[in-house]
Amino acid sequence: MQHLIIIAHPNPQSFNHAILERIKDTLLRLGAKVEVRDLYKIGFNPCFGEADMNKQHGGHAPHDVVVEQKFIKSADKITFIAPIWWGYVPAILKGYFDRVLTHGFAYTNVNGGVKGLLGSKKFGIINTFSMANVYPEENSNVFVDKTLEKNIFEYCGSPLCFHKMFFNVNDCSQDKRVEMLNDAEKLIEKFVLDPNYCPYFG
């Protein structure tokens, strides 16, 4: 199994990167092949520009976009790791969605409607929130339903298998962080070992 991890956090010492390392170690322990795309480290350009627009009209996709699309094509399962800033994922990840999940690759038009082209892929997302009181946990799924789930993954024909949110990562205790990392490990184990694992819709 080929597992792609896409992380969007600029600080390699962040808790997001701690999650990345725990997940990567878990996947390797389970015998999966792992590819990591650190969007900040590779300097991914999030700006949907003229070359991207030309692709929508029958041109060729920019080289950096083609590279990222190849990583998605080769993966069976894809996990995104990112913080929530101002109610959404960082701009670099939003730009990744804009530029990589394009017409002809992630979706197409059929008989006046839309057909997703990534139905063979399984996606999951892990997000961190800095402070618990800013985004109450009981309201946290609102933005996911309207932006990530409905407007991105379902559009591409592959609804999210899971969406895990960790709250108050800035101020919680070390014991709580260890608990979160253990939860992430268990989540990925189930994602790998159980083909029907889909707690987001359970």
N, C-alpha and C. Protein backbone atom coordinates (compact mmCIF):
# COMPACT_ATOMS: atom_id res chain seq x y z
N MET A 1 0.83 -1.20 0.00
CA MET A 1 0.00 0.00 0.00
C MET A 1 0.87 1.25 0.00
N GLN A 2 0.52 2.18 -0.83
CA GLN A 2 1.24 3.45 -0.91
C GLN A 2 0.44 4.53 -0.19
N HIS A 3 1.06 5.15 0.81
CA HIS A 3 0.38 6.17 1.60
C HIS A 3 1.10 7.50 1.42
N LEU A 4 0.34 8.51 1.02
CA LEU A 4 0.88 9.86 0.84
C LEU A 4 0.44 10.73 2.01
N ILE A 5 1.40 11.43 2.62
CA ILE A 5 1.10 12.39 3.68
C ILE A 5 1.45 13.78 3.19
N ILE A 6 0.50 14.69 3.29
CA ILE A 6 0.72 16.08 2.88
C ILE A 6 0.57 16.94 4.12
N ILE A 7 1.65 17.64 4.50
CA ILE A 7 1.62 18.45 5.70
C ILE A 7 1.81 19.91 5.35
N ALA A 8 1.07 20.76 6.07
CA ALA A 8 1.11 22.20 5.80
C ALA A 8 1.32 22.96 7.11
N HIS A 9 2.55 22.95 7.58
CA HIS A 9 2.92 23.74 8.76
C HIS A 9 4.38 24.17 8.59
N PRO A 10 4.67 25.48 8.78
CA PRO A 10 6.02 25.98 8.50
C PRO A 10 7.08 25.64 9.54
N ASN A 11 6.67 25.22 10.74
CA ASN A 11 7.62 24.99 11.82
C ASN A 11 7.90 23.49 11.98
N PRO A 12 9.12 23.03 11.68
CA PRO A 12 9.42 21.60 11.81
C PRO A 12 9.38 21.10 13.25
N GLN A 13 9.34 22.03 14.23
CA GLN A 13 9.24 21.64 15.63
C GLN A 13 7.80 21.67 16.14
N SER A 14 6.86 21.88 15.26
CA SER A 14 5.45 22.03 15.64
C SER A 14 4.84 20.69 16.04
N PHE A 15 3.68 20.78 16.69
CA PHE A 15 2.95 19.57 17.04
C PHE A 15 2.44 18.87 15.78
N ASN A 16 2.15 19.64 14.73
CA ASN A 16 1.77 19.03 13.45
C ASN A 16 2.86 18.10 12.95
N HIS A 17 4.11 18.51 13.10
CA HIS A 17 5.21 17.65 12.66
C HIS A 17 5.41 16.46 13.59
N ALA A 18 5.07 16.63 14.87
CA ALA A 18 5.10 15.48 15.78
C ALA A 18 4.06 14.45 15.35
N ILE A 19 2.90 14.92 14.95
CA ILE A 19 1.87 14.02 14.41
C ILE A 19 2.38 13.33 13.16
N LEU A 20 3.01 14.10 12.28
CA LEU A 20 3.57 13.53 11.05
C LEU A 20 4.53 12.39 11.37
N GLU A 21 5.46 12.62 12.29
CA GLU A 21 6.45 11.60 12.60
C GLU A 21 5.81 10.36 13.20
N ARG A 22 4.81 10.55 14.06
CA ARG A 22 4.13 9.39 14.66
C ARG A 22 3.39 8.60 13.58
N ILE A 23 2.71 9.29 12.69
CA ILE A 23 1.97 8.62 11.62
C ILE A 23 2.92 7.89 10.67
N LYS A 24 3.99 8.57 10.30
CA LYS A 24 4.96 7.96 9.39
C LYS A 24 5.55 6.69 10.00
N ASP A 25 5.93 6.75 11.27
CA ASP A 25 6.49 5.58 11.94
C ASP A 25 5.46 4.45 12.00
N THR A 26 4.21 4.80 12.24
CA THR A 26 3.15 3.79 12.31
C THR A 26 2.96 3.11 10.96
N LEU A 27 2.93 3.90 9.91
CA LEU A 27 2.75 3.34 8.57
C LEU A 27 3.90 2.42 8.18
N LEU A 28 5.12 2.83 8.49
CA LEU A 28 6.28 1.99 8.18
C LEU A 28 6.24 0.70 8.98
N ARG A 29 5.80 0.78 10.23
CA ARG A 29 5.68 -0.41 11.06
C ARG A 29 4.66 -1.39 10.48
N LEU A 30 3.63 -0.85 9.83
CA LEU A 30 2.59 -1.68 9.24
C LEU A 30 2.93 -2.16 7.83
N GLY A 31 4.11 -1.77 7.36
CA GLY A 31 4.56 -2.25 6.06
C GLY A 31 4.13 -1.41 4.88
N ALA A 32 3.61 -0.23 5.14
CA ALA A 32 3.19 0.64 4.05
C ALA A 32 4.39 1.40 3.47
N LYS A 33 4.29 1.73 2.21
CA LYS A 33 5.26 2.63 1.59
C LYS A 33 4.76 4.06 1.82
N VAL A 34 5.65 4.92 2.28
CA VAL A 34 5.24 6.25 2.69
C VAL A 34 5.96 7.33 1.89
N GLU A 35 5.20 8.29 1.42
CA GLU A 35 5.75 9.48 0.77
C GLU A 35 5.22 10.69 1.52
N VAL A 36 6.11 11.62 1.87
CA VAL A 36 5.72 12.83 2.57
C VAL A 36 5.97 14.04 1.69
N ARG A 37 4.95 14.89 1.58
CA ARG A 37 5.10 16.15 0.86
C ARG A 37 4.88 17.28 1.87
N ASP A 38 5.98 17.89 2.27
CA ASP A 38 5.94 19.02 3.20
C ASP A 38 5.86 20.28 2.36
N LEU A 39 4.68 20.88 2.28
CA LEU A 39 4.45 21.96 1.34
C LEU A 39 5.33 23.17 1.58
N TYR A 40 5.63 23.47 2.83
CA TYR A 40 6.52 24.59 3.12
C TYR A 40 7.97 24.23 2.78
N LYS A 41 8.37 23.03 3.08
CA LYS A 41 9.75 22.61 2.83
C LYS A 41 10.07 22.59 1.34
N ILE A 42 9.11 22.15 0.53
CA ILE A 42 9.37 22.10 -0.92
C ILE A 42 9.09 23.44 -1.59
N GLY A 43 8.59 24.41 -0.83
CA GLY A 43 8.30 25.73 -1.39
C GLY A 43 7.18 25.72 -2.40
N PHE A 44 6.14 24.95 -2.10
CA PHE A 44 5.01 24.88 -3.05
C PHE A 44 4.39 26.26 -3.25
N ASN A 45 4.18 26.62 -4.49
CA ASN A 45 3.56 27.90 -4.83
C ASN A 45 2.04 27.75 -4.78
N PRO A 46 1.37 28.41 -3.84
CA PRO A 46 -0.08 28.23 -3.71
C PRO A 46 -0.91 29.11 -4.63
N CYS A 47 -0.27 29.99 -5.39
CA CYS A 47 -1.01 30.97 -6.20
C CYS A 47 -1.49 30.37 -7.52
N PHE A 48 -2.78 30.35 -7.71
CA PHE A 48 -3.37 29.90 -8.96
C PHE A 48 -3.17 31.02 -9.98
N GLY A 49 -2.20 30.84 -10.89
CA GLY A 49 -1.81 31.90 -11.81
C GLY A 49 -2.25 31.68 -13.24
N GLU A 50 -1.64 32.44 -14.15
CA GLU A 50 -2.04 32.41 -15.56
C GLU A 50 -1.81 31.02 -16.17
N ALA A 51 -0.68 30.39 -15.82
CA ALA A 51 -0.40 29.07 -16.38
C ALA A 51 -1.45 28.05 -15.93
N ASP A 52 -1.88 28.19 -14.68
CA ASP A 52 -2.93 27.30 -14.18
C ASP A 52 -4.25 27.56 -14.92
N MET A 53 -4.53 28.83 -15.15
CA MET A 53 -5.76 29.18 -15.86
C MET A 53 -5.74 28.66 -17.29
N ASN A 54 -4.58 28.73 -17.92
CA ASN A 54 -4.46 28.22 -19.30
C ASN A 54 -4.75 26.74 -19.36
N LYS A 55 -4.36 26.01 -18.30
CA LYS A 55 -4.63 24.58 -18.25
C LYS A 55 -6.12 24.31 -18.30
N GLN A 56 -6.92 25.19 -17.72
CA GLN A 56 -8.36 25.02 -17.74
C GLN A 56 -8.93 25.13 -19.15
N HIS A 57 -8.15 25.72 -20.05
CA HIS A 57 -8.60 25.91 -21.43
C HIS A 57 -7.82 25.03 -22.40
N GLY A 58 -7.35 23.89 -21.92
CA GLY A 58 -6.74 22.92 -22.82
C GLY A 58 -5.23 22.96 -22.90
N GLY A 59 -4.58 23.78 -22.09
CA GLY A 59 -3.13 23.85 -22.11
C GLY A 59 -2.51 22.80 -21.21
N HIS A 60 -1.22 22.95 -20.98
CA HIS A 60 -0.50 22.00 -20.13
C HIS A 60 -0.40 22.54 -18.70
N ALA A 61 -0.53 21.66 -17.74
CA ALA A 61 -0.41 22.06 -16.34
C ALA A 61 1.03 22.43 -16.04
N PRO A 62 1.26 23.40 -15.14
CA PRO A 62 2.62 23.74 -14.72
C PRO A 62 3.35 22.51 -14.18
N HIS A 63 4.66 22.51 -14.30
CA HIS A 63 5.45 21.34 -13.92
C HIS A 63 5.25 20.96 -12.46
N ASP A 64 5.22 21.95 -11.56
CA ASP A 64 5.09 21.63 -10.14
C ASP A 64 3.75 20.98 -9.83
N VAL A 65 2.72 21.34 -10.57
CA VAL A 65 1.41 20.73 -10.39
C VAL A 65 1.43 19.28 -10.88
N VAL A 66 2.05 19.05 -12.02
CA VAL A 66 2.16 17.69 -12.56
C VAL A 66 2.87 16.78 -11.57
N VAL A 67 3.91 17.30 -10.94
CA VAL A 67 4.66 16.50 -9.95
C VAL A 67 3.74 16.08 -8.81
N GLU A 68 2.97 17.02 -8.28
CA GLU A 68 2.08 16.70 -7.15
C GLU A 68 0.97 15.75 -7.57
N GLN A 69 0.47 15.90 -8.77
CA GLN A 69 -0.57 15.00 -9.25
C GLN A 69 -0.05 13.57 -9.40
N LYS A 70 1.21 13.42 -9.75
CA LYS A 70 1.80 12.10 -9.86
C LYS A 70 1.87 11.42 -8.49
N PHE A 71 2.16 12.20 -7.46
CA PHE A 71 2.19 11.62 -6.11
C PHE A 71 0.79 11.13 -5.72
N ILE A 72 -0.24 11.89 -6.04
CA ILE A 72 -1.61 11.45 -5.74
C ILE A 72 -1.98 10.22 -6.54
N LYS A 73 -1.62 10.20 -7.82
CA LYS A 73 -1.93 9.05 -8.67
C LYS A 73 -1.34 7.76 -8.11
N SER A 74 -0.14 7.85 -7.57
CA SER A 74 0.57 6.65 -7.11
C SER A 74 0.13 6.20 -5.73
N ALA A 75 -0.64 7.03 -5.03
CA ALA A 75 -1.04 6.71 -3.65
C ALA A 75 -2.39 6.01 -3.60
N ASP A 76 -2.53 5.12 -2.64
CA ASP A 76 -3.82 4.49 -2.36
C ASP A 76 -4.61 5.32 -1.35
N LYS A 77 -3.88 5.83 -0.35
CA LYS A 77 -4.51 6.62 0.70
C LYS A 77 -3.69 7.88 0.93
N ILE A 78 -4.39 8.97 1.19
CA ILE A 78 -3.76 10.27 1.37
C ILE A 78 -4.25 10.89 2.66
N THR A 79 -3.30 11.31 3.50
CA THR A 79 -3.64 11.98 4.76
C THR A 79 -3.07 13.39 4.75
N PHE A 80 -3.92 14.36 5.06
CA PHE A 80 -3.50 15.76 5.18
C PHE A 80 -3.34 16.11 6.65
N ILE A 81 -2.29 16.85 6.98
CA ILE A 81 -2.07 17.33 8.34
C ILE A 81 -1.89 18.85 8.26
N ALA A 82 -2.70 19.59 9.01
CA ALA A 82 -2.61 21.05 8.95
C ALA A 82 -3.28 21.68 10.16
N PRO A 83 -2.79 22.85 10.56
CA PRO A 83 -3.49 23.60 11.61
C PRO A 83 -4.71 24.31 11.03
N ILE A 84 -5.54 24.82 11.91
CA ILE A 84 -6.64 25.69 11.50
C ILE A 84 -6.28 27.11 11.91
N TRP A 85 -6.18 27.98 10.92
CA TRP A 85 -5.88 29.40 11.13
C TRP A 85 -7.03 30.22 10.57
N TRP A 86 -7.59 31.10 11.37
CA TRP A 86 -8.70 31.94 10.93
C TRP A 86 -9.84 31.10 10.33
N GLY A 87 -10.12 29.98 10.95
CA GLY A 87 -11.26 29.17 10.55
C GLY A 87 -11.05 28.28 9.35
N TYR A 88 -9.80 28.18 8.86
CA TYR A 88 -9.57 27.34 7.68
C TYR A 88 -8.12 26.87 7.67
N VAL A 89 -7.81 26.01 6.73
CA VAL A 89 -6.44 25.53 6.60
C VAL A 89 -5.52 26.64 6.09
N PRO A 90 -4.20 26.53 6.28
CA PRO A 90 -3.28 27.56 5.80
C PRO A 90 -3.39 27.78 4.29
N ALA A 91 -3.04 28.99 3.86
CA ALA A 91 -3.17 29.37 2.46
C ALA A 91 -2.40 28.42 1.53
N ILE A 92 -1.28 27.90 2.00
CA ILE A 92 -0.48 27.03 1.15
C ILE A 92 -1.23 25.73 0.83
N LEU A 93 -2.04 25.24 1.77
CA LEU A 93 -2.82 24.04 1.51
C LEU A 93 -4.05 24.36 0.66
N LYS A 94 -4.68 25.51 0.92
CA LYS A 94 -5.79 25.92 0.05
C LYS A 94 -5.30 26.06 -1.38
N GLY A 95 -4.10 26.64 -1.57
CA GLY A 95 -3.53 26.76 -2.90
C GLY A 95 -3.22 25.41 -3.52
N TYR A 96 -2.84 24.45 -2.69
CA TYR A 96 -2.62 23.09 -3.18
C TYR A 96 -3.92 22.52 -3.75
N PHE A 97 -5.01 22.69 -3.01
CA PHE A 97 -6.31 22.25 -3.51
C PHE A 97 -6.64 22.95 -4.83
N ASP A 98 -6.44 24.26 -4.88
CA ASP A 98 -6.77 25.04 -6.07
C ASP A 98 -5.99 24.58 -7.30
N ARG A 99 -4.70 24.34 -7.11
CA ARG A 99 -3.82 24.10 -8.26
C ARG A 99 -3.69 22.64 -8.64
N VAL A 100 -3.79 21.73 -7.67
CA VAL A 100 -3.54 20.31 -7.94
C VAL A 100 -4.82 19.54 -8.25
N LEU A 101 -5.89 19.82 -7.53
CA LEU A 101 -7.15 19.09 -7.75
C LEU A 101 -7.94 19.77 -8.87
N THR A 102 -7.43 19.65 -10.08
CA THR A 102 -7.95 20.42 -11.21
C THR A 102 -8.89 19.62 -12.10
N HIS A 103 -9.57 20.35 -12.95
CA HIS A 103 -10.43 19.75 -13.97
C HIS A 103 -9.59 18.84 -14.87
N GLY A 104 -10.12 17.65 -15.13
CA GLY A 104 -9.40 16.69 -15.94
C GLY A 104 -8.52 15.76 -15.13
N PHE A 105 -8.22 16.15 -13.91
CA PHE A 105 -7.45 15.29 -13.01
C PHE A 105 -8.31 14.82 -11.84
N ALA A 106 -8.93 15.76 -11.14
CA ALA A 106 -9.72 15.41 -9.97
C ALA A 106 -11.21 15.31 -10.28
N TYR A 107 -11.65 15.97 -11.32
CA TYR A 107 -13.07 15.94 -11.69
C TYR A 107 -13.20 16.31 -13.16
N THR A 108 -14.38 16.05 -13.71
CA THR A 108 -14.66 16.43 -15.09
C THR A 108 -16.15 16.73 -15.21
N ASN A 109 -16.55 17.28 -16.34
CA ASN A 109 -17.95 17.60 -16.58
C ASN A 109 -18.57 16.54 -17.48
N VAL A 110 -19.72 16.06 -17.06
CA VAL A 110 -20.42 15.03 -17.83
C VAL A 110 -21.91 15.36 -17.88
N ASN A 111 -22.43 15.54 -19.07
CA ASN A 111 -23.86 15.79 -19.26
C ASN A 111 -24.39 16.92 -18.38
N GLY A 112 -23.65 17.99 -18.33
CA GLY A 112 -24.08 19.14 -17.56
C GLY A 112 -23.84 19.04 -16.07
N GLY A 113 -23.26 17.93 -15.64
CA GLY A 113 -22.95 17.76 -14.22
C GLY A 113 -21.47 17.55 -14.00
N VAL A 114 -21.13 17.16 -12.81
CA VAL A 114 -19.73 16.95 -12.44
C VAL A 114 -19.51 15.49 -12.05
N LYS A 115 -18.41 14.91 -12.54
CA LYS A 115 -18.04 13.56 -12.18
C LYS A 115 -16.66 13.59 -11.53
N GLY A 116 -16.58 13.09 -10.29
CA GLY A 116 -15.30 13.01 -9.61
C GLY A 116 -14.43 11.92 -10.20
N LEU A 117 -13.13 12.17 -10.24
CA LEU A 117 -12.19 11.23 -10.86
C LEU A 117 -11.25 10.58 -9.85
N LEU A 118 -11.43 10.87 -8.57
CA LEU A 118 -10.53 10.32 -7.56
C LEU A 118 -11.23 9.32 -6.65
N GLY A 119 -12.22 8.65 -7.19
CA GLY A 119 -12.99 7.70 -6.40
C GLY A 119 -12.22 6.50 -5.90
N SER A 120 -11.08 6.21 -6.52
CA SER A 120 -10.28 5.07 -6.09
C SER A 120 -9.37 5.43 -4.92
N LYS A 121 -9.32 6.71 -4.56
CA LYS A 121 -8.46 7.16 -3.46
C LYS A 121 -9.26 7.29 -2.17
N LYS A 122 -8.56 7.15 -1.06
CA LYS A 122 -9.18 7.38 0.24
C LYS A 122 -8.42 8.48 0.96
N PHE A 123 -9.17 9.47 1.44
CA PHE A 123 -8.57 10.65 2.05
C PHE A 123 -8.93 10.76 3.53
N GLY A 124 -8.02 11.35 4.28
CA GLY A 124 -8.29 11.69 5.67
C GLY A 124 -7.58 12.99 6.01
N ILE A 125 -8.09 13.67 7.03
CA ILE A 125 -7.51 14.95 7.45
C ILE A 125 -7.34 14.97 8.96
N ILE A 126 -6.19 15.47 9.40
CA ILE A 126 -5.95 15.74 10.81
C ILE A 126 -5.67 17.23 10.95
N ASN A 127 -6.47 17.89 11.78
CA ASN A 127 -6.30 19.33 12.02
C ASN A 127 -6.01 19.60 13.49
N THR A 128 -5.26 20.65 13.74
CA THR A 128 -5.02 21.10 15.11
C THR A 128 -5.58 22.50 15.29
N PHE A 129 -6.10 22.75 16.47
CA PHE A 129 -6.59 24.06 16.86
C PHE A 129 -5.73 24.55 18.01
N SER A 130 -5.31 25.80 17.96
CA SER A 130 -4.38 26.30 18.97
C SER A 130 -5.02 26.44 20.34
N MET A 131 -6.24 26.97 20.40
CA MET A 131 -6.90 27.20 21.69
C MET A 131 -8.32 26.69 21.65
N ALA A 132 -8.73 26.03 22.71
CA ALA A 132 -10.06 25.41 22.74
C ALA A 132 -11.18 26.43 22.73
N ASN A 133 -10.96 27.59 23.35
CA ASN A 133 -12.06 28.54 23.49
C ASN A 133 -12.35 29.32 22.22
N VAL A 134 -11.46 29.25 21.23
CA VAL A 134 -11.67 29.99 19.97
C VAL A 134 -12.62 29.23 19.06
N TYR A 135 -12.45 27.92 18.98
CA TYR A 135 -13.29 27.08 18.14
C TYR A 135 -13.94 26.01 19.02
N PRO A 136 -15.12 26.26 19.57
CA PRO A 136 -15.77 25.26 20.42
C PRO A 136 -15.91 23.93 19.69
N GLU A 137 -15.59 22.86 20.37
CA GLU A 137 -15.57 21.55 19.73
C GLU A 137 -16.93 21.18 19.14
N GLU A 138 -18.00 21.59 19.78
CA GLU A 138 -19.33 21.21 19.29
C GLU A 138 -19.67 21.90 17.97
N ASN A 139 -18.94 22.97 17.61
CA ASN A 139 -19.20 23.68 16.36
C ASN A 139 -18.14 23.42 15.30
N SER A 140 -17.20 22.57 15.59
CA SER A 140 -16.01 22.45 14.75
C SER A 140 -16.27 21.82 13.39
N ASN A 141 -17.34 21.04 13.24
CA ASN A 141 -17.58 20.38 11.96
C ASN A 141 -18.26 21.27 10.93
N VAL A 142 -18.68 22.46 11.32
CA VAL A 142 -19.42 23.31 10.40
C VAL A 142 -18.60 23.65 9.17
N PHE A 143 -17.38 24.12 9.37
CA PHE A 143 -16.56 24.52 8.23
C PHE A 143 -16.15 23.32 7.39
N VAL A 144 -16.00 22.14 8.01
CA VAL A 144 -15.61 20.95 7.26
C VAL A 144 -16.71 20.56 6.28
N ASP A 145 -17.94 20.51 6.77
CA ASP A 145 -19.06 20.11 5.93
C ASP A 145 -19.21 21.01 4.73
N LYS A 146 -19.02 22.31 4.93
CA LYS A 146 -19.29 23.26 3.86
C LYS A 146 -18.11 23.51 2.92
N THR A 147 -16.90 23.31 3.41
CA THR A 147 -15.74 23.64 2.58
C THR A 147 -14.93 22.42 2.17
N LEU A 148 -14.41 21.68 3.13
CA LEU A 148 -13.58 20.54 2.78
C LEU A 148 -14.38 19.38 2.22
N GLU A 149 -15.34 18.89 3.00
CA GLU A 149 -16.07 17.70 2.58
C GLU A 149 -16.91 17.93 1.34
N LYS A 150 -17.81 18.90 1.38
CA LYS A 150 -18.74 19.10 0.27
C LYS A 150 -18.07 19.70 -0.96
N ASN A 151 -17.25 20.73 -0.75
CA ASN A 151 -16.74 21.51 -1.88
C ASN A 151 -15.45 20.98 -2.47
N ILE A 152 -14.80 20.04 -1.80
CA ILE A 152 -13.53 19.52 -2.34
C ILE A 152 -13.61 18.02 -2.57
N PHE A 153 -13.62 17.24 -1.50
CA PHE A 153 -13.46 15.80 -1.67
C PHE A 153 -14.68 15.13 -2.29
N GLU A 154 -15.86 15.51 -1.88
CA GLU A 154 -17.04 14.93 -2.50
C GLU A 154 -17.11 15.31 -3.97
N TYR A 155 -16.69 16.54 -4.28
CA TYR A 155 -16.67 17.02 -5.67
C TYR A 155 -15.73 16.16 -6.51
N CYS A 156 -14.66 15.66 -5.88
CA CYS A 156 -13.67 14.85 -6.58
C CYS A 156 -14.03 13.37 -6.57
N GLY A 157 -15.18 13.04 -6.00
CA GLY A 157 -15.65 11.65 -6.04
C GLY A 157 -15.12 10.78 -4.93
N SER A 158 -14.47 11.38 -3.93
CA SER A 158 -13.91 10.58 -2.85
C SER A 158 -14.12 11.27 -1.52
N PRO A 159 -15.30 11.14 -0.92
CA PRO A 159 -15.58 11.79 0.37
C PRO A 159 -14.55 11.39 1.44
N LEU A 160 -14.33 12.27 2.37
CA LEU A 160 -13.37 12.02 3.44
C LEU A 160 -13.71 10.74 4.21
N CYS A 161 -12.69 9.93 4.46
CA CYS A 161 -12.89 8.75 5.30
C CYS A 161 -12.88 9.13 6.77
N PHE A 162 -12.04 10.11 7.12
CA PHE A 162 -12.02 10.55 8.52
C PHE A 162 -11.55 11.99 8.59
N HIS A 163 -11.94 12.64 9.66
CA HIS A 163 -11.45 13.99 9.96
C HIS A 163 -11.26 14.09 11.46
N LYS A 164 -10.00 14.12 11.87
CA LYS A 164 -9.66 14.16 13.28
C LYS A 164 -9.21 15.55 13.67
N MET A 165 -9.77 16.08 14.77
CA MET A 165 -9.42 17.41 15.24
C MET A 165 -8.84 17.34 16.65
N PHE A 166 -7.70 17.98 16.82
CA PHE A 166 -7.07 18.08 18.13
C PHE A 166 -7.15 19.53 18.59
N PHE A 167 -7.71 19.74 19.78
CA PHE A 167 -7.95 21.08 20.28
C PHE A 167 -6.95 21.48 21.36
N ASN A 168 -6.76 22.79 21.46
CA ASN A 168 -5.97 23.38 22.55
C ASN A 168 -4.54 22.85 22.59
N VAL A 169 -3.92 22.66 21.43
CA VAL A 169 -2.59 22.07 21.40
C VAL A 169 -1.52 23.00 21.96
N ASN A 170 -1.78 24.30 21.99
CA ASN A 170 -0.79 25.24 22.53
C ASN A 170 -0.69 25.19 24.04
N ASP A 171 -1.82 25.01 24.70
CA ASP A 171 -1.87 25.16 26.16
C ASP A 171 -2.08 23.85 26.92
N CYS A 172 -2.26 22.76 26.23
CA CYS A 172 -2.53 21.51 26.95
C CYS A 172 -1.25 20.95 27.57
N SER A 173 -1.41 20.00 28.45
CA SER A 173 -0.27 19.38 29.14
C SER A 173 0.48 18.43 28.21
N GLN A 174 1.69 18.08 28.64
CA GLN A 174 2.47 17.12 27.87
C GLN A 174 1.77 15.77 27.83
N ASP A 175 1.15 15.40 28.93
CA ASP A 175 0.41 14.13 28.96
C ASP A 175 -0.72 14.13 27.93
N LYS A 176 -1.38 15.27 27.79
CA LYS A 176 -2.47 15.38 26.82
C LYS A 176 -1.93 15.27 25.40
N ARG A 177 -0.78 15.86 25.15
CA ARG A 177 -0.18 15.75 23.82
C ARG A 177 0.20 14.31 23.50
N VAL A 178 0.73 13.62 24.47
CA VAL A 178 1.05 12.20 24.27
C VAL A 178 -0.21 11.42 23.96
N GLU A 179 -1.29 11.73 24.65
CA GLU A 179 -2.58 11.09 24.39
C GLU A 179 -3.05 11.36 22.96
N MET A 180 -2.87 12.60 22.49
CA MET A 180 -3.25 12.95 21.13
C MET A 180 -2.43 12.17 20.11
N LEU A 181 -1.14 12.06 20.34
CA LEU A 181 -0.29 11.31 19.42
C LEU A 181 -0.68 9.84 19.40
N ASN A 182 -1.03 9.29 20.56
CA ASN A 182 -1.49 7.91 20.61
C ASN A 182 -2.80 7.73 19.85
N ASP A 183 -3.68 8.73 19.95
CA ASP A 183 -4.94 8.69 19.21
C ASP A 183 -4.68 8.72 17.70
N ALA A 184 -3.73 9.55 17.28
CA ALA A 184 -3.39 9.62 15.86
C ALA A 184 -2.84 8.29 15.36
N GLU A 185 -2.04 7.64 16.18
CA GLU A 185 -1.48 6.34 15.81
C GLU A 185 -2.58 5.31 15.64
N LYS A 186 -3.50 5.26 16.58
CA LYS A 186 -4.60 4.31 16.50
C LYS A 186 -5.49 4.59 15.29
N LEU A 187 -5.69 5.86 14.99
CA LEU A 187 -6.51 6.24 13.85
C LEU A 187 -5.90 5.74 12.55
N ILE A 188 -4.60 5.95 12.39
CA ILE A 188 -3.94 5.52 11.16
C ILE A 188 -3.88 4.01 11.06
N GLU A 189 -3.71 3.34 12.19
CA GLU A 189 -3.74 1.87 12.17
C GLU A 189 -5.06 1.36 11.60
N LYS A 190 -6.16 1.94 12.07
CA LYS A 190 -7.48 1.52 11.58
C LYS A 190 -7.67 1.90 10.12
N PHE A 191 -7.19 3.07 9.74
CA PHE A 191 -7.29 3.54 8.36
C PHE A 191 -6.58 2.59 7.41
N VAL A 192 -5.46 2.03 7.87
CA VAL A 192 -4.68 1.11 7.05
C VAL A 192 -5.27 -0.29 7.06
N LEU A 193 -5.62 -0.77 8.23
CA LEU A 193 -5.98 -2.18 8.38
C LEU A 193 -7.44 -2.49 8.08
N ASP A 194 -8.32 -1.51 8.24
CA ASP A 194 -9.75 -1.75 8.03
C ASP A 194 -10.21 -0.99 6.79
N PRO A 195 -10.50 -1.69 5.68
CA PRO A 195 -10.90 -1.02 4.45
C PRO A 195 -12.23 -0.29 4.57
N ASN A 196 -13.02 -0.62 5.59
CA ASN A 196 -14.33 0.03 5.78
C ASN A 196 -14.31 1.10 6.86
N TYR A 197 -13.12 1.41 7.38
CA TYR A 197 -13.03 2.38 8.46
C TYR A 197 -13.38 3.77 7.96
N CYS A 198 -14.43 4.33 8.51
CA CYS A 198 -14.89 5.65 8.04
C CYS A 198 -15.63 6.34 9.19
N PRO A 199 -14.91 6.69 10.27
CA PRO A 199 -15.59 7.25 11.44
C PRO A 199 -16.24 8.61 11.19
N TYR A 200 -15.77 9.32 10.18
CA TYR A 200 -16.35 10.64 9.91
C TYR A 200 -17.81 10.52 9.53
N PHE A 201 -18.19 9.41 8.92
CA PHE A 201 -19.58 9.22 8.51
C PHE A 201 -20.30 8.21 9.39
N GLY A 202 -19.61 7.72 10.41
CA GLY A 202 -20.19 6.67 11.25
C GLY A 202 -21.26 7.19 12.20
